[in-house]
Amino acid sequence: MCANRSIRGLARMRKNRSGFSLVELLAVMAIVAMLSTLAVTSYFSAIRGMASRSASDNFYNALMMARQRACIDGCRVSLMIFNEAANFDPASGKVSDLAASFVVCRELGRISYVSGSYLFDEFSDLGAMFQEGSAGASSKFAGTIKLYNLTEGAWSLVSPFVKRQKVGGANTVLPYSGTEVPIEAFALEKVDSGGVAWDTGDSYGIEVAPVKALPKGFEFVELNNTLTSDQALKDVKSITFEADGTAVKNATFTIKSRDTNAKGTSFSVGKSGDIKVSKN
């Protein structure tokens, strides 16, 4: 008798015990999936937003630094934008990705004479700014440096030292005595012109801060960003500030994500030197 009661009790407990049906489980799983999707979407949206703000803030700070350095140092200071190779495919021998970059450059002087691969500045002490080298100095100095042409908005690679060279390439005859003497001055030697034609009077300088790049996936609209074009790595745009803070000319730079749905940020620089930021 007692055994039968126990069996009936267990049966009632099993019958009354509640649980989740398959439909309820599927509904819960669907809700969790939707919440996960929303969380992931919001996360990546936040990441893109932070990258966009970082790109805009860094470029704006660079523009402001260029203008401030021009006023403080009392010389021309330029900001240049260009593309660098971010990835290179050895198999095809082609660049597979671009890094939108920018740099701030300070004027050192002006070119007074150009002779072949040599750039002279007879009115600045190049010997104090660069170490003196000789024809066999390649074993002592390594690498090259970028010499920025602030007039053209471009650069050439030059040796990291200066050489004493004849100005004009020939000796000068002194009046009355007829004695020939060489007129020498320090000159920078171009290693790679980069397609830049240097002329007398061109303003030149070096970078005052390391080259910076926009976050991956961002580009300057004003540049040629076509990977299949050789111009993608040669295109350069610039803005130059005078010592009084004014700009040589008007310029606009637009930073945009490669995501077609994303908005871009434009930086307009007027001749007065004012910098305006707008979303588009």
Protein backbone atom coordinates (compact mmCIF):
# COMPACT_ATOMS: atom_id res chain seq x y z
CA MET A 1 0.00 0.00 0.00
CA CYS A 2 2.72 2.37 0.95
CA ALA A 3 4.61 1.47 -2.20
CA ASN A 4 1.63 2.32 -4.39
CA ARG A 5 1.25 5.70 -2.69
CA SER A 6 4.91 6.46 -3.31
CA ILE A 7 4.60 5.59 -6.99
CA ARG A 8 1.48 7.73 -7.39
CA GLY A 9 3.26 10.61 -5.61
CA LEU A 10 6.22 10.47 -7.95
CA ALA A 11 3.91 10.42 -10.94
CA ARG A 12 2.11 13.54 -9.71
CA MET A 13 5.44 15.32 -9.09
CA ARG A 14 6.61 14.55 -12.62
CA LYS A 15 3.28 15.65 -14.05
CA ASN A 16 3.28 18.94 -12.14
CA ARG A 17 6.96 19.77 -12.78
CA SER A 18 7.23 22.76 -15.20
CA GLY A 19 9.86 23.21 -18.02
CA PHE A 20 10.66 25.12 -21.24
CA SER A 21 9.07 24.16 -24.47
CA LEU A 22 10.97 24.11 -27.77
CA VAL A 23 9.18 27.26 -28.94
CA GLU A 24 10.21 29.12 -25.79
CA LEU A 25 13.84 28.05 -26.19
CA LEU A 26 13.85 29.18 -29.81
CA ALA A 27 12.36 32.53 -28.84
CA VAL A 28 15.01 33.08 -26.16
CA MET A 29 17.79 32.14 -28.59
CA ALA A 30 16.41 34.58 -31.18
CA ILE A 31 16.35 37.40 -28.61
CA VAL A 32 19.92 36.63 -27.53
CA ALA A 33 21.04 36.60 -31.18
CA MET A 34 19.43 39.98 -31.85
CA LEU A 35 20.98 41.50 -28.72
CA SER A 36 24.39 40.12 -29.71
CA THR A 37 24.02 41.57 -33.21
CA LEU A 38 23.08 44.97 -31.81
CA ALA A 39 26.01 44.86 -29.38
CA VAL A 40 28.52 43.94 -32.10
CA THR A 41 27.11 46.55 -34.50
CA SER A 42 27.26 49.22 -31.82
CA TYR A 43 30.82 48.22 -30.92
CA PHE A 44 32.12 48.51 -34.49
CA SER A 45 30.17 51.72 -34.99
CA ALA A 46 31.82 53.15 -31.89
CA ILE A 47 35.24 52.03 -33.14
CA ARG A 48 34.66 53.72 -36.52
CA GLY A 49 33.47 56.85 -34.75
CA MET A 50 36.59 56.97 -32.57
CA ALA A 51 38.83 56.40 -35.61
CA SER A 52 37.08 59.22 -37.48
CA ARG A 53 37.44 61.62 -34.54
CA SER A 54 41.08 60.62 -34.07
CA ALA A 55 41.85 61.26 -37.76
CA SER A 56 40.13 64.65 -37.70
CA ASP A 57 41.70 65.75 -34.41
CA ASN A 58 45.22 64.74 -35.41
CA PHE A 59 45.02 66.50 -38.77
CA TYR A 60 43.49 69.64 -37.26
CA ASN A 61 46.27 69.72 -34.62
CA ALA A 62 48.86 69.40 -37.40
CA LEU A 63 47.34 72.36 -39.26
CA MET A 64 47.34 74.43 -36.09
CA MET A 65 50.92 73.43 -35.29
CA ALA A 66 52.07 74.46 -38.77
CA ARG A 67 50.48 77.90 -38.40
CA GLN A 68 51.78 78.39 -34.86
CA ARG A 69 55.32 77.31 -35.78
CA ALA A 70 55.32 79.78 -38.67
CA CYS A 71 54.45 82.62 -36.28
CA ILE A 72 56.82 81.52 -33.49
CA ASP A 73 59.83 80.69 -35.69
CA GLY A 74 59.28 83.63 -38.06
CA CYS A 75 59.57 81.53 -41.20
CA ARG A 76 57.48 79.60 -43.67
CA VAL A 77 56.00 76.32 -42.46
CA SER A 78 54.12 73.93 -44.70
CA LEU A 79 51.84 70.95 -44.21
CA MET A 80 51.84 68.34 -46.97
CA ILE A 81 49.50 65.41 -47.58
CA PHE A 82 50.44 62.38 -49.66
CA ASN A 83 50.04 58.60 -49.91
CA GLU A 84 52.60 56.07 -48.80
CA ALA A 85 52.65 52.36 -49.57
CA ALA A 86 50.95 50.54 -46.70
CA ASN A 87 51.19 47.06 -48.21
CA PHE A 88 53.28 45.72 -51.07
CA ASP A 89 52.58 42.49 -52.93
CA PRO A 90 55.93 40.93 -53.92
CA ALA A 91 54.24 38.49 -56.30
CA SER A 92 52.70 41.17 -58.50
CA GLY A 93 55.22 43.86 -57.64
CA LYS A 94 52.41 46.29 -56.93
CA VAL A 95 51.19 48.27 -53.95
CA SER A 96 48.09 46.62 -52.48
CA ASP A 97 47.12 49.33 -49.98
CA LEU A 98 47.77 53.02 -49.37
CA ALA A 99 48.37 54.94 -46.15
CA ALA A 100 47.13 58.53 -46.25
CA SER A 101 49.93 60.52 -44.61
CA PHE A 102 50.82 64.10 -43.70
CA VAL A 103 53.86 65.98 -42.41
CA VAL A 104 54.73 69.48 -41.14
CA CYS A 105 57.90 71.05 -42.60
CA ARG A 106 59.87 74.13 -41.52
CA GLU A 107 61.68 76.38 -43.98
CA LEU A 108 65.48 76.41 -43.71
CA GLY A 109 66.28 78.77 -46.56
CA ARG A 110 66.03 79.30 -50.31
CA ILE A 111 67.95 77.73 -53.14
CA SER A 112 70.37 80.24 -54.66
CA TYR A 113 71.85 78.06 -57.41
CA VAL A 114 71.18 74.67 -59.02
CA SER A 115 73.91 72.72 -60.79
CA GLY A 116 73.08 69.21 -61.93
CA SER A 117 72.28 67.16 -58.84
CA TYR A 118 73.60 69.85 -56.44
CA LEU A 119 71.40 72.36 -54.63
CA PHE A 120 73.20 75.46 -53.29
CA ASP A 121 72.15 77.95 -50.65
CA GLU A 122 74.95 80.52 -50.47
CA PHE A 123 73.17 82.64 -47.87
CA SER A 124 72.54 79.98 -45.20
CA ASP A 125 75.14 78.11 -43.22
CA LEU A 126 74.43 74.62 -44.52
CA GLY A 127 77.67 73.48 -42.89
CA ALA A 128 76.15 74.19 -39.48
CA MET A 129 72.83 72.51 -40.28
CA PHE A 130 74.32 69.39 -41.90
CA GLN A 131 77.61 67.60 -41.42
CA GLU A 132 80.23 68.07 -44.11
CA GLY A 133 80.99 65.07 -46.29
CA SER A 134 83.11 64.31 -49.30
CA ALA A 135 83.00 62.22 -52.41
CA GLY A 136 83.75 59.10 -50.40
CA ALA A 137 81.42 59.92 -47.53
CA SER A 138 78.93 57.19 -48.40
CA SER A 139 80.79 54.79 -46.09
CA LYS A 140 80.49 57.22 -43.18
CA PHE A 141 76.89 58.33 -43.65
CA ALA A 142 73.99 55.99 -44.23
CA GLY A 143 70.61 56.54 -45.80
CA THR A 144 69.00 59.65 -47.20
CA ILE A 145 66.79 62.45 -45.94
CA LYS A 146 63.77 64.14 -47.48
CA LEU A 147 64.38 67.72 -48.53
CA TYR A 148 61.00 69.36 -48.95
CA ASN A 149 60.41 71.92 -51.68
CA LEU A 150 57.95 74.22 -49.94
CA THR A 151 57.40 76.25 -53.10
CA GLU A 152 56.38 73.25 -55.22
CA GLY A 153 54.83 71.20 -52.43
CA ALA A 154 57.02 68.14 -53.06
CA TRP A 155 60.35 66.66 -51.99
CA SER A 156 63.58 65.05 -53.14
CA LEU A 157 65.82 62.55 -51.42
CA VAL A 158 69.25 64.03 -50.67
CA SER A 159 72.42 62.75 -49.05
CA PRO A 160 72.52 63.31 -45.26
CA PHE A 161 75.57 65.58 -45.57
CA VAL A 162 76.73 68.62 -47.57
CA LYS A 163 79.69 68.95 -49.92
CA ARG A 164 81.85 71.90 -50.92
CA GLN A 165 81.25 72.50 -54.62
CA LYS A 166 82.16 75.19 -57.12
CA VAL A 167 79.36 77.66 -57.66
CA GLY A 168 78.96 77.86 -61.40
CA GLY A 169 81.19 74.85 -61.96
CA ALA A 170 84.26 76.87 -62.99
CA ASN A 171 86.89 79.13 -61.47
CA THR A 172 86.25 82.86 -61.26
CA VAL A 173 88.78 85.33 -62.70
CA LEU A 174 89.64 88.10 -60.25
CA PRO A 175 89.62 91.65 -61.66
CA TYR A 176 92.98 93.21 -62.57
CA SER A 177 95.12 90.33 -61.43
CA GLY A 178 93.66 87.75 -63.81
CA THR A 179 94.05 85.09 -61.12
CA GLU A 180 91.54 82.25 -61.25
CA VAL A 181 90.06 81.15 -57.94
CA PRO A 182 87.24 78.71 -57.20
CA ILE A 183 84.16 80.18 -55.54
CA GLU A 184 82.84 77.39 -53.36
CA ALA A 185 79.80 76.90 -51.21
CA PHE A 186 78.11 74.03 -49.43
CA ALA A 187 75.59 72.11 -51.50
CA LEU A 188 73.13 69.29 -50.91
CA GLU A 189 73.28 66.43 -53.40
CA LYS A 190 70.07 64.93 -54.77
CA VAL A 191 69.94 61.14 -54.73
CA ASP A 192 66.44 60.89 -56.14
CA SER A 193 64.68 63.96 -57.51
CA GLY A 194 61.22 62.45 -57.04
CA GLY A 195 60.24 64.26 -60.22
CA VAL A 196 60.79 67.67 -58.60
CA ALA A 197 62.43 70.36 -60.73
CA TRP A 198 64.30 72.61 -58.29
CA ASP A 199 64.75 76.24 -59.32
CA THR A 200 66.59 79.24 -57.93
CA GLY A 201 64.46 80.87 -55.25
CA ASP A 202 62.66 77.70 -54.20
CA SER A 203 62.02 77.52 -50.47
CA TYR A 204 63.30 74.30 -48.88
CA GLY A 205 62.96 72.71 -45.47
CA ILE A 206 62.84 69.56 -43.37
CA GLU A 207 60.11 67.97 -41.29
CA VAL A 208 59.67 69.25 -37.74
CA ALA A 209 57.75 66.17 -36.60
CA PRO A 210 57.61 62.55 -37.78
CA VAL A 211 55.31 61.72 -40.67
CA LYS A 212 51.85 60.71 -39.45
CA ALA A 213 49.21 58.57 -41.13
CA LEU A 214 45.43 58.51 -40.94
CA PRO A 215 43.83 55.39 -39.42
CA LYS A 216 43.50 52.44 -41.77
CA GLY A 217 40.55 52.82 -44.12
CA PHE A 218 40.70 56.64 -44.32
CA GLU A 219 41.95 58.75 -47.21
CA PHE A 220 42.35 62.34 -48.43
CA VAL A 221 39.75 63.02 -51.12
CA GLU A 222 42.03 65.56 -52.86
CA LEU A 223 44.66 62.89 -53.64
CA ASN A 224 44.67 60.27 -56.37
CA ASN A 225 43.78 57.14 -54.39
CA THR A 226 43.62 54.67 -57.30
CA LEU A 227 45.92 51.74 -56.54
CA THR A 228 46.43 50.95 -60.22
CA SER A 229 47.68 54.48 -60.93
CA ASP A 230 51.35 55.40 -60.58
CA GLN A 231 50.18 58.87 -59.60
CA ALA A 232 48.80 57.52 -56.30
CA LEU A 233 52.28 57.62 -54.73
CA LYS A 234 53.35 60.84 -56.47
CA ASP A 235 50.36 63.06 -55.79
CA VAL A 236 51.10 65.71 -53.15
CA LYS A 237 48.99 68.63 -51.91
CA SER A 238 50.18 71.29 -49.48
CA ILE A 239 49.41 74.47 -47.58
CA THR A 240 52.11 76.98 -46.60
CA PHE A 241 51.82 79.51 -43.78
CA GLU A 242 53.83 82.72 -43.75
CA ALA A 243 55.58 84.13 -40.66
CA ASP A 244 52.56 86.34 -39.92
CA GLY A 245 50.19 83.35 -39.84
CA THR A 246 48.60 84.00 -43.23
CA ALA A 247 48.44 81.30 -45.89
CA VAL A 248 50.05 81.55 -49.33
CA LYS A 249 46.79 80.41 -50.93
CA ASN A 250 43.41 78.93 -50.09
CA ALA A 251 43.31 75.18 -49.60
CA THR A 252 40.84 72.47 -48.67
CA PHE A 253 41.61 69.02 -47.29
CA THR A 254 38.91 66.37 -46.89
CA ILE A 255 39.28 63.24 -44.79
CA LYS A 256 36.85 60.46 -45.65
CA SER A 257 36.43 56.81 -44.76
CA ARG A 258 36.45 54.34 -47.62
CA ASP A 259 33.05 53.25 -46.32
CA THR A 260 30.71 54.89 -48.84
CA ASN A 261 28.05 55.45 -46.17
CA ALA A 262 30.37 57.42 -43.88
CA LYS A 263 30.52 61.20 -43.82
CA GLY A 264 33.73 63.11 -44.41
CA THR A 265 35.37 66.03 -42.63
CA SER A 266 36.63 69.05 -44.58
CA PHE A 267 39.29 71.51 -43.41
CA SER A 268 39.26 74.83 -45.25
CA VAL A 269 42.22 77.19 -44.90
CA GLY A 270 41.78 80.79 -46.04
CA LYS A 271 44.48 83.25 -47.04
CA SER A 272 44.06 84.92 -43.67
CA GLY A 273 45.20 81.66 -42.08
CA ASP A 274 41.84 80.84 -40.50
CA ILE A 275 40.98 77.12 -40.37
CA LYS A 276 37.36 76.01 -40.65
CA VAL A 277 36.11 72.46 -40.05
CA SER A 278 32.87 71.11 -41.48
CA LYS A 279 31.14 67.74 -41.89
CA ASN A 280 29.92 66.71 -45.31
